[in-house]
Amino acid sequence: MGDRMIASRWRDRVVAGASAAVLSAGLVACGQAPVVEAPAASTPAPAPAAAPAKPAASLSLLEPTDGVFSGHIDLFRWSAADGADGYVVRILGSDGRLVFESPVLTATEARLPKTVALEPEAHTWTVTARKGGDVIATSPVFKFSITP
């Protein structure tokens, strides 16, 4: 058998992943100059396409708006959030204390109970929309002040 034939068979029998030194030694023994080919780069499988993100439900506060009001405020209104089955209203005083938190409501408005009177000071309020007990949206924080 000729040297080329032996070298060809040698190359055919080299197991994938054999070191370049083993391949070179075999070819040199057959009188041929080694030809070293880089192993094929492994290409990672493409990542599965991500499912499009569901837009978060939105919630807008309607009344009272940001601002200063004189007198008594007891009605709070907001827009409905898609998919919501309940809402919780939170009102905080100027020092961050919880002034009022509603039970879960199904309507998009809340009237403060007669036992809750908002003091003449700055307040913030938010509404959290829920579905099956999970929070699906939170409104921006509105700030209002009550003057005597």
C-alpha atoms as a PDB file:
ATOM      1  CA  MET A   1       0.000   0.000   0.000  1.00  0.00           C
ATOM      2  CA  GLY A   2       1.234   3.478  -0.804  1.00  0.00           C
ATOM      3  CA  ASP A   3       1.970   6.077   1.807  1.00  0.00           C
ATOM      4  CA  ARG A   4      -0.970   8.201   0.656  1.00  0.00           C
ATOM      5  CA  MET A   5      -3.377   5.299   1.054  1.00  0.00           C
ATOM      6  CA  ILE A   6      -2.113   4.561   4.570  1.00  0.00           C
ATOM      7  CA  ALA A   7      -2.380   8.235   5.515  1.00  0.00           C
ATOM      8  CA  SER A   8      -5.886   8.371   4.125  1.00  0.00           C
ATOM      9  CA  ARG A   9      -6.958   5.309   6.088  1.00  0.00           C
ATOM     10  CA  TRP A  10      -5.275   6.707   9.176  1.00  0.00           C
ATOM     11  CA  ARG A  11      -7.297   9.915   8.894  1.00  0.00           C
ATOM     12  CA  ASP A  12     -10.512   7.932   8.394  1.00  0.00           C
ATOM     13  CA  ARG A  13      -9.903   5.915  11.547  1.00  0.00           C
ATOM     14  CA  VAL A  14      -9.117   8.841  13.850  1.00  0.00           C
ATOM     15  CA  VAL A  15     -11.910   9.170  16.343  1.00  0.00           C
ATOM     16  CA  ALA A  16     -13.485  12.588  16.600  1.00  0.00           C
ATOM     17  CA  GLY A  17     -11.889  14.495  19.432  1.00  0.00           C
ATOM     18  CA  ALA A  18      -8.453  12.844  19.114  1.00  0.00           C
ATOM     19  CA  SER A  19      -5.664  15.186  19.976  1.00  0.00           C
ATOM     20  CA  ALA A  20      -3.678  16.916  17.247  1.00  0.00           C
ATOM     21  CA  ALA A  21      -0.522  15.227  18.598  1.00  0.00           C
ATOM     22  CA  VAL A  22      -1.944  11.726  17.991  1.00  0.00           C
ATOM     23  CA  LEU A  23      -3.071  12.659  14.483  1.00  0.00           C
ATOM     24  CA  SER A  24       0.284  14.270  13.647  1.00  0.00           C
ATOM     25  CA  ALA A  25       2.266  11.272  14.949  1.00  0.00           C
ATOM     26  CA  GLY A  26       0.273   8.901  12.738  1.00  0.00           C
ATOM     27  CA  LEU A  27       0.736  11.002   9.629  1.00  0.00           C
ATOM     28  CA  VAL A  28       4.432  11.573  10.241  1.00  0.00           C
ATOM     29  CA  ALA A  29       4.898   7.791  10.640  1.00  0.00           C
ATOM     30  CA  CYS A  30       3.398   7.435   7.146  1.00  0.00           C
ATOM     31  CA  GLY A  31       5.748  10.061   5.696  1.00  0.00           C
ATOM     32  CA  GLN A  32       3.132  12.789   5.278  1.00  0.00           C
ATOM     33  CA  ALA A  33       3.061  16.267   6.671  1.00  0.00           C
ATOM     34  CA  PRO A  34       0.372  16.572   9.312  1.00  0.00           C
ATOM     35  CA  VAL A  35      -2.747  18.515   8.411  1.00  0.00           C
ATOM     36  CA  VAL A  36      -4.430  19.718  11.537  1.00  0.00           C
ATOM     37  CA  GLU A  37      -8.023  20.780  11.306  1.00  0.00           C
ATOM     38  CA  ALA A  38      -9.693  22.561  14.155  1.00  0.00           C
ATOM     39  CA  PRO A  39     -12.546  20.650  15.684  1.00  0.00           C
ATOM     40  CA  ALA A  40     -15.949  21.934  14.710  1.00  0.00           C
ATOM     41  CA  ALA A  41     -17.168  24.480  17.205  1.00  0.00           C
ATOM     42  CA  SER A  42     -20.182  23.330  19.067  1.00  0.00           C
ATOM     43  CA  THR A  43     -23.040  25.689  18.467  1.00  0.00           C
ATOM     44  CA  PRO A  44     -25.489  26.014  21.317  1.00  0.00           C
ATOM     45  CA  ALA A  45     -29.067  25.263  20.444  1.00  0.00           C
ATOM     46  CA  PRO A  46     -31.049  28.411  19.828  1.00  0.00           C
ATOM     47  CA  ALA A  47     -33.095  29.521  22.795  1.00  0.00           C
ATOM     48  CA  PRO A  48     -36.819  28.951  22.450  1.00  0.00           C
ATOM     49  CA  ALA A  49     -38.733  32.024  21.439  1.00  0.00           C
ATOM     50  CA  ALA A  50     -40.067  33.813  24.480  1.00  0.00           C
ATOM     51  CA  ALA A  51     -43.806  34.134  24.754  1.00  0.00           C
ATOM     52  CA  PRO A  52     -44.941  37.703  24.287  1.00  0.00           C
ATOM     53  CA  ALA A  53     -45.294  39.411  27.653  1.00  0.00           C
ATOM     54  CA  LYS A  54     -48.831  40.107  28.761  1.00  0.00           C
ATOM     55  CA  PRO A  55     -49.390  43.802  29.258  1.00  0.00           C
ATOM     56  CA  ALA A  56     -49.938  44.643  32.887  1.00  0.00           C
ATOM     57  CA  ALA A  57     -53.412  45.800  33.786  1.00  0.00           C
ATOM     58  CA  SER A  58     -53.570  49.538  34.250  1.00  0.00           C
ATOM     59  CA  LEU A  59     -55.325  51.430  36.970  1.00  0.00           C
ATOM     60  CA  SER A  60     -55.946  55.179  37.160  1.00  0.00           C
ATOM     61  CA  LEU A  61     -57.018  57.221  40.149  1.00  0.00           C
ATOM     62  CA  LEU A  62     -59.886  59.575  39.359  1.00  0.00           C
ATOM     63  CA  GLU A  63     -60.978  61.316  42.558  1.00  0.00           C
ATOM     64  CA  PRO A  64     -59.576  62.977  44.594  1.00  0.00           C
ATOM     65  CA  THR A  65     -56.827  64.150  42.296  1.00  0.00           C
ATOM     66  CA  ASP A  66     -53.466  65.528  43.358  1.00  0.00           C
ATOM     67  CA  GLY A  67     -54.053  68.894  44.995  1.00  0.00           C
ATOM     68  CA  VAL A  68     -55.300  70.861  47.960  1.00  0.00           C
ATOM     69  CA  PHE A  69     -58.923  70.640  49.076  1.00  0.00           C
ATOM     70  CA  SER A  70     -60.867  72.383  51.783  1.00  0.00           C
ATOM     71  CA  GLY A  71     -63.498  70.635  53.810  1.00  0.00           C
ATOM     72  CA  HIS A  72     -64.361  66.963  53.952  1.00  0.00           C
ATOM     73  CA  ILE A  73     -63.286  64.208  51.529  1.00  0.00           C
ATOM     74  CA  ASP A  74     -64.879  60.810  51.836  1.00  0.00           C
ATOM     75  CA  LEU A  75     -65.317  59.530  48.241  1.00  0.00           C
ATOM     76  CA  PHE A  76     -62.472  57.837  46.315  1.00  0.00           C
ATOM     77  CA  ARG A  77     -62.907  56.703  42.700  1.00  0.00           C
ATOM     78  CA  TRP A  78     -60.637  54.904  40.206  1.00  0.00           C
ATOM     79  CA  SER A  79     -60.804  53.202  36.814  1.00  0.00           C
ATOM     80  CA  ALA A  80     -61.442  49.488  36.447  1.00  0.00           C
ATOM     81  CA  ALA A  81     -58.426  47.285  35.691  1.00  0.00           C
ATOM     82  CA  ASP A  82     -58.889  44.570  33.048  1.00  0.00           C
ATOM     83  CA  GLY A  83     -59.409  41.195  34.686  1.00  0.00           C
ATOM     84  CA  ALA A  84     -59.638  42.540  38.244  1.00  0.00           C
ATOM     85  CA  ASP A  85     -62.202  41.016  40.575  1.00  0.00           C
ATOM     86  CA  GLY A  86     -61.401  43.216  43.564  1.00  0.00           C
ATOM     87  CA  TYR A  87     -59.677  46.389  44.740  1.00  0.00           C
ATOM     88  CA  VAL A  88     -58.032  47.567  47.971  1.00  0.00           C
ATOM     89  CA  VAL A  89     -57.760  51.282  48.793  1.00  0.00           C
ATOM     90  CA  ARG A  90     -54.974  52.539  51.086  1.00  0.00           C
ATOM     91  CA  ILE A  91     -54.768  56.044  52.516  1.00  0.00           C
ATOM     92  CA  LEU A  92     -51.692  57.190  54.422  1.00  0.00           C
ATOM     93  CA  GLY A  93     -51.163  60.283  56.568  1.00  0.00           C
ATOM     94  CA  SER A  94     -48.338  62.761  56.056  1.00  0.00           C
ATOM     95  CA  ASP A  95     -46.125  60.812  58.476  1.00  0.00           C
ATOM     96  CA  GLY A  96     -46.684  57.515  56.622  1.00  0.00           C
ATOM     97  CA  ARG A  97     -49.152  56.037  59.111  1.00  0.00           C
ATOM     98  CA  LEU A  98     -52.019  53.982  57.739  1.00  0.00           C
ATOM     99  CA  VAL A  99     -55.187  56.059  58.011  1.00  0.00           C
ATOM    100  CA  PHE A 100     -57.503  53.674  56.161  1.00  0.00           C
ATOM    101  CA  GLU A 101     -57.331  50.382  54.273  1.00  0.00           C
ATOM    102  CA  SER A 102     -60.469  49.007  52.718  1.00  0.00           C
ATOM    103  CA  PRO A 103     -61.507  45.396  52.596  1.00  0.00           C
ATOM    104  CA  VAL A 104     -61.446  43.911  49.088  1.00  0.00           C
ATOM    105  CA  LEU A 105     -64.059  45.859  47.116  1.00  0.00           C
ATOM    106  CA  THR A 106     -65.761  44.879  43.860  1.00  0.00           C
ATOM    107  CA  ALA A 107     -66.768  48.443  42.915  1.00  0.00           C
ATOM    108  CA  THR A 108     -64.462  51.140  41.544  1.00  0.00           C
ATOM    109  CA  GLU A 109     -65.271  53.586  44.299  1.00  0.00           C
ATOM    110  CA  ALA A 110     -65.097  53.648  48.041  1.00  0.00           C
ATOM    111  CA  ARG A 111     -66.744  55.902  50.582  1.00  0.00           C
ATOM    112  CA  LEU A 112     -64.935  56.236  53.890  1.00  0.00           C
ATOM    113  CA  PRO A 113     -66.859  54.894  56.858  1.00  0.00           C
ATOM    114  CA  LYS A 114     -68.216  57.523  59.250  1.00  0.00           C
ATOM    115  CA  THR A 115     -65.669  56.320  61.822  1.00  0.00           C
ATOM    116  CA  VAL A 116     -62.797  57.513  59.585  1.00  0.00           C
ATOM    117  CA  ALA A 117     -62.235  61.260  59.333  1.00  0.00           C
ATOM    118  CA  LEU A 118     -59.292  62.606  57.366  1.00  0.00           C
ATOM    119  CA  GLU A 119     -57.405  65.207  59.372  1.00  0.00           C
ATOM    120  CA  PRO A 120     -56.379  68.518  57.817  1.00  0.00           C
ATOM    121  CA  GLU A 121     -52.969  67.423  56.542  1.00  0.00           C
ATOM    122  CA  ALA A 122     -51.311  65.884  53.487  1.00  0.00           C
ATOM    123  CA  HIS A 123     -52.385  62.351  52.530  1.00  0.00           C
ATOM    124  CA  THR A 124     -51.449  59.846  49.858  1.00  0.00           C
ATOM    125  CA  TRP A 125     -53.674  57.171  48.396  1.00  0.00           C
ATOM    126  CA  THR A 126     -53.319  54.172  46.113  1.00  0.00           C
ATOM    127  CA  VAL A 127     -55.493  51.357  44.839  1.00  0.00           C
ATOM    128  CA  THR A 128     -54.354  47.789  44.265  1.00  0.00           C
ATOM    129  CA  ALA A 129     -56.274  45.643  41.767  1.00  0.00           C
ATOM    130  CA  ARG A 130     -56.544  41.937  42.503  1.00  0.00           C
ATOM    131  CA  LYS A 131     -57.611  38.816  40.671  1.00  0.00           C
ATOM    132  CA  GLY A 132     -58.126  35.648  42.666  1.00  0.00           C
ATOM    133  CA  GLY A 133     -56.186  37.166  45.553  1.00  0.00           C
ATOM    134  CA  ASP A 134     -53.144  38.041  43.405  1.00  0.00           C
ATOM    135  CA  VAL A 135     -52.121  41.656  42.764  1.00  0.00           C
ATOM    136  CA  ILE A 136     -52.426  42.431  39.046  1.00  0.00           C
ATOM    137  CA  ALA A 137     -52.019  46.222  39.100  1.00  0.00           C
ATOM    138  CA  THR A 138     -51.177  49.070  41.448  1.00  0.00           C
ATOM    139  CA  SER A 139     -52.151  52.647  40.760  1.00  0.00           C
ATOM    140  CA  PRO A 140     -49.760  55.558  40.881  1.00  0.00           C
ATOM    141  CA  VAL A 141     -49.655  57.356  44.241  1.00  0.00           C
ATOM    142  CA  PHE A 142     -51.761  60.500  44.441  1.00  0.00           C
ATOM    143  CA  LYS A 143     -51.134  63.157  47.068  1.00  0.00           C
ATOM    144  CA  PHE A 144     -53.806  65.465  48.352  1.00  0.00           C
ATOM    145  CA  SER A 145     -53.999  67.891  51.239  1.00  0.00           C
ATOM    146  CA  ILE A 146     -56.997  68.867  53.261  1.00  0.00           C
ATOM    147  CA  THR A 147     -57.157  72.359  54.704  1.00  0.00           C
ATOM    148  CA  PRO A 148     -59.536  73.322  57.538  1.00  0.00           C
END
